[in-house]
């Protein structure tokens, strides 16, 4: 035992010494030489990384995450991705969306990665047609078209529609959204035009059987029907609902599309006879311009995309056809 009042050893003072704050020199780690480089040089180094390496780099720290998320680094990768918002000439058509997020969505789409959940359920055994426009999902249910607002957090739809567009006596077969208008074709053979933000609507009898497809561009409506005809309709003042041309397709029309140049339109038929399923018609005269034997239609000014399956071959796969019209 030590004598009373004698000083204690350093080991005995360990508790009080451990409680003392560390020195400033040991509280912060030394700065990395990486941050001494100019930002332009850091971006140049990161530009040699691929998608996987850039993603891993962003998991190191907040500063590298911010650096690796720059649009400049992802633009080159995005131009090689499907539907990333860039044209062949490099024009950005979706400037408000980060390029990294567009690449992520494109790769998820390509590899089939998605979150599956049921957002709506109803008792009618129908195959609905739907269009996503801004903050609303437009969905056909029986003879009506209903507009469901998207949830603010993007997790689904609100359960009750905000607007209902009616006018058909039978099921809606197809509709399109163009310039704040809804044009729909129904099983009753009618075409109905609604103004989304207003009470204006027009309804006219179009075909003898159900209207399978419609398109709307530049004040003109084209429609195709099971009655083996395609028609061109005018919506100009004084001629609203007037049929300009009736085209005999010799087969049921399942898809139709107007060229963005407003010079022609394309019909896709059931291909049950010996006629070509894909035919191009002059929008002004209604005369046939061309045909293709390779039918859902997608198109641009110079590119036409169609898909079909050989109905005579059981369990056949769908075939996609790209046609350059330039």
C-alpha atoms as a PDB file:
ATOM      1  CA  UNK A   1       0.000   0.000   0.000  1.00  0.00           C
ATOM      2  CA  UNK A   2       1.245   3.425  -0.777  1.00  0.00           C
ATOM      3  CA  UNK A   3       1.396   6.039   1.815  1.00  0.00           C
ATOM      4  CA  UNK A   4      -1.434   8.500   2.197  1.00  0.00           C
ATOM      5  CA  UNK A   5      -0.968  11.440  -0.130  1.00  0.00           C
ATOM      6  CA  UNK A   6       1.635   9.703  -2.304  1.00  0.00           C
ATOM      7  CA  UNK A   7       1.204  10.190  -6.096  1.00  0.00           C
ATOM      8  CA  UNK A   8      -0.402   7.353  -8.041  1.00  0.00           C
ATOM      9  CA  UNK A   9       1.184   5.634 -11.016  1.00  0.00           C
ATOM     10  CA  UNK A  10       0.205   6.518 -14.652  1.00  0.00           C
ATOM     11  CA  UNK A  11      -1.657   3.182 -14.907  1.00  0.00           C
ATOM     12  CA  UNK A  12      -3.917   4.249 -12.080  1.00  0.00           C
ATOM     13  CA  UNK A  13      -4.666   7.478 -13.908  1.00  0.00           C
ATOM     14  CA  UNK A  14      -5.769   5.585 -17.035  1.00  0.00           C
ATOM     15  CA  UNK A  15      -9.484   6.253 -16.575  1.00  0.00           C
ATOM     16  CA  UNK A  16      -9.138  10.004 -16.353  1.00  0.00           C
ATOM     17  CA  UNK A  17      -6.579  10.100 -19.155  1.00  0.00           C
ATOM     18  CA  UNK A  18      -8.904   8.148 -21.510  1.00  0.00           C
ATOM     19  CA  UNK A  19     -11.686  10.654 -20.888  1.00  0.00           C
ATOM     20  CA  UNK A  20      -9.627  13.557 -22.146  1.00  0.00           C
ATOM     21  CA  UNK A  21     -10.517  14.766 -25.702  1.00  0.00           C
ATOM     22  CA  UNK A  22      -8.209  13.637 -28.512  1.00  0.00           C
ATOM     23  CA  UNK A  23      -5.894  16.096 -30.096  1.00  0.00           C
ATOM     24  CA  UNK A  24      -6.923  17.886 -33.246  1.00  0.00           C
ATOM     25  CA  UNK A  25      -4.155  16.232 -35.236  1.00  0.00           C
ATOM     26  CA  UNK A  26      -5.650  12.750 -34.671  1.00  0.00           C
ATOM     27  CA  UNK A  27      -9.362  13.690 -35.068  1.00  0.00           C
ATOM     28  CA  UNK A  28      -9.420  14.085 -38.872  1.00  0.00           C
ATOM     29  CA  UNK A  29      -7.735  11.740 -41.349  1.00  0.00           C
ATOM     30  CA  UNK A  30      -5.298  13.201 -43.837  1.00  0.00           C
ATOM     31  CA  UNK A  31      -6.892  14.509 -47.036  1.00  0.00           C
ATOM     32  CA  UNK A  32      -6.669  12.204 -50.064  1.00  0.00           C
ATOM     33  CA  UNK A  33      -4.345  13.348 -52.877  1.00  0.00           C
ATOM     34  CA  UNK A  34      -7.248  12.595 -55.229  1.00  0.00           C
ATOM     35  CA  UNK A  35      -9.035  15.801 -54.255  1.00  0.00           C
ATOM     36  CA  UNK A  36      -5.965  17.858 -55.091  1.00  0.00           C
ATOM     37  CA  UNK A  37      -6.647  17.184 -58.774  1.00  0.00           C
ATOM     38  CA  UNK A  38      -8.791  19.672 -60.727  1.00  0.00           C
ATOM     39  CA  UNK A  39     -12.390  18.638 -61.397  1.00  0.00           C
ATOM     40  CA  UNK A  40     -11.822  18.523 -65.160  1.00  0.00           C
ATOM     41  CA  UNK A  41      -9.095  15.914 -64.676  1.00  0.00           C
ATOM     42  CA  UNK A  42     -11.271  13.869 -62.309  1.00  0.00           C
ATOM     43  CA  UNK A  43     -14.080  13.834 -64.881  1.00  0.00           C
ATOM     44  CA  UNK A  44     -11.615  12.767 -67.571  1.00  0.00           C
ATOM     45  CA  UNK A  45     -10.452   9.844 -65.426  1.00  0.00           C
ATOM     46  CA  UNK A  46     -14.046   8.793 -64.680  1.00  0.00           C
ATOM     47  CA  UNK A  47     -14.959   8.954 -68.371  1.00  0.00           C
ATOM     48  CA  UNK A  48     -12.950   5.753 -68.943  1.00  0.00           C
ATOM     49  CA  UNK A  49     -15.167   3.777 -66.526  1.00  0.00           C
ATOM     50  CA  UNK A  50     -18.053   1.575 -67.627  1.00  0.00           C
ATOM     51  CA  UNK A  51     -21.539   1.443 -66.106  1.00  0.00           C
ATOM     52  CA  UNK A  52     -20.660  -1.016 -63.351  1.00  0.00           C
ATOM     53  CA  UNK A  53     -17.500   0.819 -62.327  1.00  0.00           C
ATOM     54  CA  UNK A  54     -19.275   4.184 -62.198  1.00  0.00           C
ATOM     55  CA  UNK A  55     -22.003   2.700 -60.030  1.00  0.00           C
ATOM     56  CA  UNK A  56     -19.466   1.247 -57.597  1.00  0.00           C
ATOM     57  CA  UNK A  57     -17.525   4.509 -57.501  1.00  0.00           C
ATOM     58  CA  UNK A  58     -20.664   6.317 -56.365  1.00  0.00           C
ATOM     59  CA  UNK A  59     -20.893   4.007 -53.329  1.00  0.00           C
ATOM     60  CA  UNK A  60     -17.527   5.060 -51.884  1.00  0.00           C
ATOM     61  CA  UNK A  61     -18.491   8.427 -50.390  1.00  0.00           C
ATOM     62  CA  UNK A  62     -20.854  11.335 -50.918  1.00  0.00           C
ATOM     63  CA  UNK A  63     -18.321  13.385 -52.821  1.00  0.00           C
ATOM     64  CA  UNK A  64     -17.604  10.618 -55.304  1.00  0.00           C
ATOM     65  CA  UNK A  65     -21.302   9.885 -55.600  1.00  0.00           C
ATOM     66  CA  UNK A  66     -21.920  13.477 -56.644  1.00  0.00           C
ATOM     67  CA  UNK A  67     -18.988  13.390 -59.068  1.00  0.00           C
ATOM     68  CA  UNK A  68     -19.969  10.056 -60.647  1.00  0.00           C
ATOM     69  CA  UNK A  69     -23.570  11.203 -61.177  1.00  0.00           C
ATOM     70  CA  UNK A  70     -22.680  14.050 -63.533  1.00  0.00           C
ATOM     71  CA  UNK A  71     -24.608  13.974 -66.817  1.00  0.00           C
ATOM     72  CA  UNK A  72     -21.337  14.469 -68.689  1.00  0.00           C
ATOM     73  CA  UNK A  73     -20.157  10.991 -67.661  1.00  0.00           C
ATOM     74  CA  UNK A  74     -23.404   9.193 -68.478  1.00  0.00           C
ATOM     75  CA  UNK A  75     -24.193  10.862 -71.787  1.00  0.00           C
ATOM     76  CA  UNK A  76     -21.889   8.574 -73.778  1.00  0.00           C
ATOM     77  CA  UNK A  77     -23.378   5.480 -72.132  1.00  0.00           C
ATOM     78  CA  UNK A  78     -26.949   6.718 -72.578  1.00  0.00           C
ATOM     79  CA  UNK A  79     -26.581   7.146 -76.332  1.00  0.00           C
ATOM     80  CA  UNK A  80     -26.052   3.396 -76.593  1.00  0.00           C
ATOM     81  CA  UNK A  81     -29.105   2.532 -74.465  1.00  0.00           C
ATOM     82  CA  UNK A  82     -32.667   1.882 -75.557  1.00  0.00           C
ATOM     83  CA  UNK A  83     -35.106   4.785 -75.167  1.00  0.00           C
ATOM     84  CA  UNK A  84     -32.746   6.985 -73.150  1.00  0.00           C
ATOM     85  CA  UNK A  85     -33.984  10.249 -74.639  1.00  0.00           C
ATOM     86  CA  UNK A  86     -31.204  10.890 -77.163  1.00  0.00           C
ATOM     87  CA  UNK A  87     -31.610  11.048 -80.925  1.00  0.00           C
ATOM     88  CA  UNK A  88     -29.110   9.587 -83.377  1.00  0.00           C
ATOM     89  CA  UNK A  89     -27.565  13.045 -83.715  1.00  0.00           C
ATOM     90  CA  UNK A  90     -27.158  13.361 -79.944  1.00  0.00           C
ATOM     91  CA  UNK A  91     -30.015  15.763 -79.252  1.00  0.00           C
ATOM     92  CA  UNK A  92     -31.346  15.419 -75.694  1.00  0.00           C
ATOM     93  CA  UNK A  93     -35.147  15.113 -75.729  1.00  0.00           C
ATOM     94  CA  UNK A  94     -35.532  14.757 -71.936  1.00  0.00           C
ATOM     95  CA  UNK A  95     -33.224  17.420 -70.538  1.00  0.00           C
ATOM     96  CA  UNK A  96     -35.073  17.620 -67.205  1.00  0.00           C
ATOM     97  CA  UNK A  97     -34.321  14.004 -66.222  1.00  0.00           C
ATOM     98  CA  UNK A  98     -30.815  13.031 -64.974  1.00  0.00           C
ATOM     99  CA  UNK A  99     -29.008  10.950 -67.578  1.00  0.00           C
ATOM    100  CA  UNK A 100     -27.909   8.416 -64.947  1.00  0.00           C
ATOM    101  CA  UNK A 101     -31.552   7.692 -64.053  1.00  0.00           C
ATOM    102  CA  UNK A 102     -32.413   7.216 -67.726  1.00  0.00           C
ATOM    103  CA  UNK A 103     -29.600   4.689 -68.128  1.00  0.00           C
ATOM    104  CA  UNK A 104     -30.816   2.860 -65.021  1.00  0.00           C
ATOM    105  CA  UNK A 105     -34.393   2.618 -66.335  1.00  0.00           C
ATOM    106  CA  UNK A 106     -33.159   1.524 -69.767  1.00  0.00           C
ATOM    107  CA  UNK A 107     -31.014  -1.255 -68.325  1.00  0.00           C
ATOM    108  CA  UNK A 108     -33.816  -2.415 -66.022  1.00  0.00           C
ATOM    109  CA  UNK A 109     -36.138  -2.545 -69.024  1.00  0.00           C
ATOM    110  CA  UNK A 110     -33.585  -4.485 -71.057  1.00  0.00           C
ATOM    111  CA  UNK A 111     -32.941  -7.076 -68.334  1.00  0.00           C
ATOM    112  CA  UNK A 112     -36.562  -7.353 -67.197  1.00  0.00           C
ATOM    113  CA  UNK A 113     -35.952  -5.912 -63.730  1.00  0.00           C
ATOM    114  CA  UNK A 114     -39.106  -4.322 -62.351  1.00  0.00           C
ATOM    115  CA  UNK A 115     -41.384  -4.214 -59.352  1.00  0.00           C
ATOM    116  CA  UNK A 116     -44.658  -6.018 -59.949  1.00  0.00           C
ATOM    117  CA  UNK A 117     -47.735  -5.014 -58.007  1.00  0.00           C
ATOM    118  CA  UNK A 118     -51.490  -4.771 -58.549  1.00  0.00           C
ATOM    119  CA  UNK A 119     -52.624  -1.144 -58.634  1.00  0.00           C
ATOM    120  CA  UNK A 120     -56.194  -1.640 -59.880  1.00  0.00           C
ATOM    121  CA  UNK A 121     -58.613  -4.521 -59.943  1.00  0.00           C
ATOM    122  CA  UNK A 122     -62.162  -4.772 -61.246  1.00  0.00           C
ATOM    123  CA  UNK A 123     -64.724  -7.452 -61.981  1.00  0.00           C
ATOM    124  CA  UNK A 124     -65.075  -6.992 -65.759  1.00  0.00           C
ATOM    125  CA  UNK A 125     -63.176  -9.591 -67.795  1.00  0.00           C
ATOM    126  CA  UNK A 126     -61.952  -7.107 -70.402  1.00  0.00           C
ATOM    127  CA  UNK A 127     -58.602  -6.279 -71.957  1.00  0.00           C
ATOM    128  CA  UNK A 128     -58.228  -2.516 -71.285  1.00  0.00           C
ATOM    129  CA  UNK A 129     -56.367  -0.002 -73.388  1.00  0.00           C
ATOM    130  CA  UNK A 130     -54.242   2.463 -71.426  1.00  0.00           C
ATOM    131  CA  UNK A 131     -52.193   5.608 -71.982  1.00  0.00           C
ATOM    132  CA  UNK A 132     -49.851   7.322 -69.509  1.00  0.00           C
ATOM    133  CA  UNK A 133     -49.862  11.104 -69.849  1.00  0.00           C
ATOM    134  CA  UNK A 134     -48.117  13.300 -67.305  1.00  0.00           C
ATOM    135  CA  UNK A 135     -49.541  12.666 -63.845  1.00  0.00           C
ATOM    136  CA  UNK A 136     -52.520  10.586 -65.004  1.00  0.00           C
ATOM    137  CA  UNK A 137     -53.145   7.071 -66.284  1.00  0.00           C
ATOM    138  CA  UNK A 138     -56.020   6.890 -68.757  1.00  0.00           C
ATOM    139  CA  UNK A 139     -57.648   3.470 -68.751  1.00  0.00           C
ATOM    140  CA  UNK A 140     -60.581   2.072 -70.718  1.00  0.00           C
ATOM    141  CA  UNK A 141     -63.087   0.108 -68.647  1.00  0.00           C
ATOM    142  CA  UNK A 142     -66.086  -1.231 -70.582  1.00  0.00           C
ATOM    143  CA  UNK A 143     -67.695   1.726 -72.403  1.00  0.00           C
ATOM    144  CA  UNK A 144     -65.860   4.434 -70.410  1.00  0.00           C
ATOM    145  CA  UNK A 145     -62.362   5.912 -70.222  1.00  0.00           C
ATOM    146  CA  UNK A 146     -61.235   6.824 -66.712  1.00  0.00           C
ATOM    147  CA  UNK A 147     -58.366   9.075 -65.632  1.00  0.00           C
ATOM    148  CA  UNK A 148     -56.531   7.907 -62.491  1.00  0.00           C
ATOM    149  CA  UNK A 149     -54.065  10.320 -60.814  1.00  0.00           C
ATOM    150  CA  UNK A 150     -50.647   8.911 -59.964  1.00  0.00           C
ATOM    151  CA  UNK A 151     -49.658   8.905 -56.291  1.00  0.00           C
ATOM    152  CA  UNK A 152     -47.273  11.762 -55.387  1.00  0.00           C
ATOM    153  CA  UNK A 153     -44.571   9.317 -54.265  1.00  0.00           C
ATOM    154  CA  UNK A 154     -44.827   7.377 -57.540  1.00  0.00           C
ATOM    155  CA  UNK A 155     -45.777   4.095 -55.847  1.00  0.00           C
ATOM    156  CA  UNK A 156     -49.091   3.539 -57.627  1.00  0.00           C
ATOM    157  CA  UNK A 157     -52.453   5.026 -58.519  1.00  0.00           C
ATOM    158  CA  UNK A 158     -55.157   6.646 -56.493  1.00  0.00           C
ATOM    159  CA  UNK A 159     -58.086   4.272 -56.135  1.00  0.00           C
ATOM    160  CA  UNK A 160     -60.791   6.580 -57.499  1.00  0.00           C
ATOM    161  CA  UNK A 161     -60.713   8.185 -60.977  1.00  0.00           C
ATOM    162  CA  UNK A 162     -60.646  11.950 -61.187  1.00  0.00           C
ATOM    163  CA  UNK A 163     -62.470  12.078 -64.521  1.00  0.00           C
ATOM    164  CA  UNK A 164     -64.661   9.719 -66.558  1.00  0.00           C
ATOM    165  CA  UNK A 165     -65.131  10.100 -70.319  1.00  0.00           C
ATOM    166  CA  UNK A 166     -68.190   8.351 -71.738  1.00  0.00           C
ATOM    167  CA  UNK A 167     -70.131   8.288 -74.987  1.00  0.00           C
ATOM    168  CA  UNK A 168     -69.900   4.722 -76.302  1.00  0.00           C
ATOM    169  CA  UNK A 169     -72.694   2.176 -76.016  1.00  0.00           C
ATOM    170  CA  UNK A 170     -70.286  -0.775 -76.087  1.00  0.00           C
ATOM    171  CA  UNK A 171     -66.700  -1.441 -75.022  1.00  0.00           C
ATOM    172  CA  UNK A 172     -63.946   1.004 -75.945  1.00  0.00           C
ATOM    173  CA  UNK A 173     -61.599  -0.840 -78.314  1.00  0.00           C
ATOM    174  CA  UNK A 174     -58.847   1.762 -78.682  1.00  0.00           C
ATOM    175  CA  UNK A 175     -58.141   5.409 -77.863  1.00  0.00           C
ATOM    176  CA  UNK A 176     -55.328   7.925 -78.330  1.00  0.00           C
ATOM    177  CA  UNK A 177     -54.319  11.072 -76.429  1.00  0.00           C
ATOM    178  CA  UNK A 178     -53.176  13.966 -78.622  1.00  0.00           C
ATOM    179  CA  UNK A 179     -52.964  17.671 -77.727  1.00  0.00           C
ATOM    180  CA  UNK A 180     -55.297  17.460 -74.694  1.00  0.00           C
ATOM    181  CA  UNK A 181     -57.881  15.459 -76.673  1.00  0.00           C
ATOM    182  CA  UNK A 182     -59.040  11.851 -76.399  1.00  0.00           C
ATOM    183  CA  UNK A 183     -60.174  10.110 -79.574  1.00  0.00           C
ATOM    184  CA  UNK A 184     -61.710   6.685 -79.030  1.00  0.00           C
ATOM    185  CA  UNK A 185     -63.235   3.945 -81.159  1.00  0.00           C
ATOM    186  CA  UNK A 186     -65.759   1.518 -79.740  1.00  0.00           C
ATOM    187  CA  UNK A 187     -67.517  -1.751 -80.355  1.00  0.00           C
ATOM    188  CA  UNK A 188     -70.624   0.217 -81.355  1.00  0.00           C
ATOM    189  CA  UNK A 189     -68.857   1.460 -84.516  1.00  0.00           C
ATOM    190  CA  UNK A 190     -68.705   5.058 -83.240  1.00  0.00           C
ATOM    191  CA  UNK A 191     -65.829   7.496 -82.803  1.00  0.00           C
ATOM    192  CA  UNK A 192     -65.926   9.886 -79.836  1.00  0.00           C
ATOM    193  CA  UNK A 193     -63.752  12.980 -79.381  1.00  0.00           C
ATOM    194  CA  UNK A 194     -63.343  14.453 -75.883  1.00  0.00           C
ATOM    195  CA  UNK A 195     -61.501  17.572 -74.767  1.00  0.00           C
ATOM    196  CA  UNK A 196     -59.665  16.541 -71.594  1.00  0.00           C
ATOM    197  CA  UNK A 197     -59.902  19.903 -69.818  1.00  0.00           C
ATOM    198  CA  UNK A 198     -63.476  20.812 -70.689  1.00  0.00           C
ATOM    199  CA  UNK A 199     -66.941  19.531 -71.481  1.00  0.00           C
ATOM    200  CA  UNK A 200     -66.578  19.594 -75.287  1.00  0.00           C
ATOM    201  CA  UNK A 201     -67.226  16.253 -77.016  1.00  0.00           C
ATOM    202  CA  UNK A 202     -68.193  15.042 -80.481  1.00  0.00           C
ATOM    203  CA  UNK A 203     -69.649  11.672 -81.423  1.00  0.00           C
ATOM    204  CA  UNK A 204     -70.300  10.333 -84.920  1.00  0.00           C
ATOM    205  CA  UNK A 205     -71.096   7.004 -86.504  1.00  0.00           C
ATOM    206  CA  UNK A 206     -67.983   5.730 -88.279  1.00  0.00           C
ATOM    207  CA  UNK A 207     -68.154   2.029 -89.214  1.00  0.00           C
ATOM    208  CA  UNK A 208     -70.654  -0.780 -89.565  1.00  0.00           C
ATOM    209  CA  UNK A 209     -68.717  -2.936 -87.065  1.00  0.00           C
ATOM    210  CA  UNK A 210     -66.380  -2.241 -84.131  1.00  0.00           C
ATOM    211  CA  UNK A 211     -63.633   0.354 -84.535  1.00  0.00           C
ATOM    212  CA  UNK A 212     -60.440  -1.549 -83.737  1.00  0.00           C
ATOM    213  CA  UNK A 213     -57.965   1.329 -84.046  1.00  0.00           C
ATOM    214  CA  UNK A 214     -57.754   5.114 -84.340  1.00  0.00           C
ATOM    215  CA  UNK A 215     -55.109   7.818 -84.694  1.00  0.00           C
ATOM    216  CA  UNK A 216     -55.344  11.597 -84.557  1.00  0.00           C
ATOM    217  CA  UNK A 217     -52.930  14.159 -86.029  1.00  0.00           C
ATOM    218  CA  UNK A 218     -53.245  17.650 -87.501  1.00  0.00           C
ATOM    219  CA  UNK A 219     -57.039  17.867 -87.321  1.00  0.00           C
ATOM    220  CA  UNK A 220     -57.500  14.501 -89.056  1.00  0.00           C
ATOM    221  CA  UNK A 221     -58.687  11.182 -87.628  1.00  0.00           C
ATOM    222  CA  UNK A 222     -57.981   7.833 -89.261  1.00  0.00           C
ATOM    223  CA  UNK A 223     -59.866   4.736 -88.162  1.00  0.00           C
ATOM    224  CA  UNK A 224     -59.803   1.050 -88.968  1.00  0.00           C
ATOM    225  CA  UNK A 225     -62.546  -1.484 -88.426  1.00  0.00           C
ATOM    226  CA  UNK A 226     -63.530  -5.098 -88.515  1.00  0.00           C
ATOM    227  CA  UNK A 227     -65.725  -4.206 -91.504  1.00  0.00           C
ATOM    228  CA  UNK A 228     -62.534  -4.243 -93.660  1.00  0.00           C
ATOM    229  CA  UNK A 229     -62.349  -0.513 -94.215  1.00  0.00           C
ATOM    230  CA  UNK A 230     -60.137   2.352 -93.118  1.00  0.00           C
ATOM    231  CA  UNK A 231     -61.473   5.900 -93.139  1.00  0.00           C
ATOM    232  CA  UNK A 232     -60.110   9.442 -92.950  1.00  0.00           C
ATOM    233  CA  UNK A 233     -62.182  12.020 -91.046  1.00  0.00           C
ATOM    234  CA  UNK A 234     -61.928  15.807 -90.906  1.00  0.00           C
ATOM    235  CA  UNK A 235     -62.277  17.861 -87.727  1.00  0.00           C
ATOM    236  CA  UNK A 236     -61.828  21.268 -89.336  1.00  0.00           C
ATOM    237  CA  UNK A 237     -64.417  23.995 -88.814  1.00  0.00           C
ATOM    238  CA  UNK A 238     -67.583  23.301 -90.781  1.00  0.00           C
ATOM    239  CA  UNK A 239     -66.443  19.751 -91.683  1.00  0.00           C
ATOM    240  CA  UNK A 240     -66.337  18.119 -88.260  1.00  0.00           C
ATOM    241  CA  UNK A 241     -67.047  14.409 -88.521  1.00  0.00           C
ATOM    242  CA  UNK A 242     -67.055  14.412 -92.340  1.00  0.00           C
ATOM    243  CA  UNK A 243     -65.536  11.320 -93.975  1.00  0.00           C
ATOM    244  CA  UNK A 244     -62.919  12.357 -96.538  1.00  0.00           C
ATOM    245  CA  UNK A 245     -61.865   8.893 -97.775  1.00  0.00           C
ATOM    246  CA  UNK A 246     -62.991   5.298 -97.382  1.00  0.00           C
ATOM    247  CA  UNK A 247     -60.298   2.714 -98.118  1.00  0.00           C
ATOM    248  CA  UNK A 248     -61.232  -0.894 -98.867  1.00  0.00           C
ATOM    249  CA  UNK A 249     -58.550  -2.997 -97.138  1.00  0.00           C
ATOM    250  CA  UNK A 250     -60.076  -6.432 -98.011  1.00  0.00           C
ATOM    251  CA  UNK A 251     -59.266  -7.600 -94.490  1.00  0.00           C
ATOM    252  CA  UNK A 252     -59.931  -6.637 -90.867  1.00  0.00           C
ATOM    253  CA  UNK A 253     -57.901  -3.611 -89.788  1.00  0.00           C
ATOM    254  CA  UNK A 254     -56.198  -4.036 -86.416  1.00  0.00           C
ATOM    255  CA  UNK A 255     -53.792  -1.095 -86.323  1.00  0.00           C
ATOM    256  CA  UNK A 256     -53.412   2.281 -87.972  1.00  0.00           C
ATOM    257  CA  UNK A 257     -50.984   5.211 -87.703  1.00  0.00           C
ATOM    258  CA  UNK A 258     -50.590   8.642 -89.304  1.00  0.00           C
ATOM    259  CA  UNK A 259     -47.132   9.741 -90.442  1.00  0.00           C
ATOM    260  CA  UNK A 260     -45.767  12.703 -88.420  1.00  0.00           C
ATOM    261  CA  UNK A 261     -45.279  14.457 -91.763  1.00  0.00           C
ATOM    262  CA  UNK A 262     -49.096  14.307 -92.284  1.00  0.00           C
ATOM    263  CA  UNK A 263     -48.572  12.958 -95.804  1.00  0.00           C
ATOM    264  CA  UNK A 264     -49.644   9.335 -95.408  1.00  0.00           C
ATOM    265  CA  UNK A 265     -51.009   6.715 -93.027  1.00  0.00           C
ATOM    266  CA  UNK A 266     -50.315   3.005 -92.551  1.00  0.00           C
ATOM    267  CA  UNK A 267     -52.760   0.159 -91.952  1.00  0.00           C
ATOM    268  CA  UNK A 268     -52.035  -3.213 -90.412  1.00  0.00           C
ATOM    269  CA  UNK A 269     -54.560  -5.952 -91.223  1.00  0.00           C
ATOM    270  CA  UNK A 270     -55.240  -9.463 -89.972  1.00  0.00           C
ATOM    271  CA  UNK A 271     -53.313 -11.121 -92.836  1.00  0.00           C
ATOM    272  CA  UNK A 272     -55.994 -13.773 -93.327  1.00  0.00           C
ATOM    273  CA  UNK A 273     -56.145 -13.389 -97.099  1.00  0.00           C
ATOM    274  CA  UNK A 274     -53.567 -12.914 -99.845  1.00  0.00           C
ATOM    275  CA  UNK A 275     -53.263  -9.136 -99.434  1.00  0.00           C
ATOM    276  CA  UNK A 276     -50.282  -7.436 -97.801  1.00  0.00           C
ATOM    277  CA  UNK A 277     -50.836  -6.824 -94.083  1.00  0.00           C
ATOM    278  CA  UNK A 278     -48.882  -3.537 -94.153  1.00  0.00           C
ATOM    279  CA  UNK A 279     -49.946  -0.868 -96.614  1.00  0.00           C
ATOM    280  CA  UNK A 280     -49.219   2.855 -96.914  1.00  0.00           C
ATOM    281  CA  UNK A 281     -51.949   5.210 -98.132  1.00  0.00           C
ATOM    282  CA  UNK A 282     -51.847   8.820 -99.271  1.00  0.00           C
ATOM    283  CA  UNK A 283     -53.616  10.944 -96.682  1.00  0.00           C
ATOM    284  CA  UNK A 284     -54.862  13.528 -99.180  1.00  0.00           C
ATOM    285  CA  UNK A 285     -56.165  11.253-101.947  1.00  0.00           C
ATOM    286  CA  UNK A 286     -56.685   7.923-100.183  1.00  0.00           C
ATOM    287  CA  UNK A 287     -54.678   6.087-102.852  1.00  0.00           C
ATOM    288  CA  UNK A 288     -52.344   3.216-101.974  1.00  0.00           C
ATOM    289  CA  UNK A 289     -48.659   4.198-102.096  1.00  0.00           C
ATOM    290  CA  UNK A 290     -46.784   1.046-101.059  1.00  0.00           C
ATOM    291  CA  UNK A 291     -47.167  -2.317 -99.348  1.00  0.00           C
ATOM    292  CA  UNK A 292     -45.039  -4.731 -97.319  1.00  0.00           C
ATOM    293  CA  UNK A 293     -45.227  -8.434 -96.580  1.00  0.00           C
ATOM    294  CA  UNK A 294     -43.445  -9.045 -93.420  1.00  0.00           C
ATOM    295  CA  UNK A 295     -49.943  -5.945 -86.718  1.00  0.00           C
ATOM    296  CA  UNK A 296     -49.077  -3.291 -84.101  1.00  0.00           C
ATOM    297  CA  UNK A 297     -47.620  -0.159 -85.686  1.00  0.00           C
ATOM    298  CA  UNK A 298     -45.128   2.324 -84.294  1.00  0.00           C
ATOM    299  CA  UNK A 299     -43.536   4.927 -86.458  1.00  0.00           C
ATOM    300  CA  UNK A 300     -41.547   8.069 -86.986  1.00  0.00           C
ATOM    301  CA  UNK A 301     -41.041  10.278 -90.000  1.00  0.00           C
ATOM    302  CA  UNK A 302     -38.783   7.747 -91.758  1.00  0.00           C
ATOM    303  CA  UNK A 303     -38.960   4.548 -89.666  1.00  0.00           C
ATOM    304  CA  UNK A 304     -41.868   2.122 -89.402  1.00  0.00           C
ATOM    305  CA  UNK A 305     -41.888  -0.623 -86.759  1.00  0.00           C
ATOM    306  CA  UNK A 306     -44.382  -3.479 -86.838  1.00  0.00           C
ATOM    307  CA  UNK A 307     -44.798  -6.819 -85.129  1.00  0.00           C
ATOM    308  CA  UNK A 308     -46.814  -9.890 -86.076  1.00  0.00           C
ATOM    309  CA  UNK A 309     -46.969 -13.612 -85.511  1.00  0.00           C
ATOM    310  CA  UNK A 310     -47.701 -16.365 -88.043  1.00  0.00           C
ATOM    311  CA  UNK A 311     -51.250 -17.375 -87.146  1.00  0.00           C
ATOM    312  CA  UNK A 312     -50.921 -20.725 -88.951  1.00  0.00           C
ATOM    313  CA  UNK A 313     -48.023 -21.911 -86.772  1.00  0.00           C
ATOM    314  CA  UNK A 314     -48.929 -22.978 -83.215  1.00  0.00           C
ATOM    315  CA  UNK A 315     -46.899 -21.360 -80.402  1.00  0.00           C
ATOM    316  CA  UNK A 316     -44.985 -19.214 -82.878  1.00  0.00           C
ATOM    317  CA  UNK A 317     -42.952 -16.285 -81.613  1.00  0.00           C
ATOM    318  CA  UNK A 318     -43.719 -12.673 -82.479  1.00  0.00           C
ATOM    319  CA  UNK A 319     -41.662 -11.207 -85.307  1.00  0.00           C
ATOM    320  CA  UNK A 320     -40.528  -7.567 -85.308  1.00  0.00           C
ATOM    321  CA  UNK A 321     -39.927  -5.778 -88.585  1.00  0.00           C
ATOM    322  CA  UNK A 322     -38.058  -2.487 -89.015  1.00  0.00           C
ATOM    323  CA  UNK A 323     -38.692  -0.650 -92.283  1.00  0.00           C
ATOM    324  CA  UNK A 324     -36.759   2.449 -93.327  1.00  0.00           C
ATOM    325  CA  UNK A 325     -39.018   4.787 -95.326  1.00  0.00           C
ATOM    326  CA  UNK A 326     -36.375   7.367 -96.230  1.00  0.00           C
END
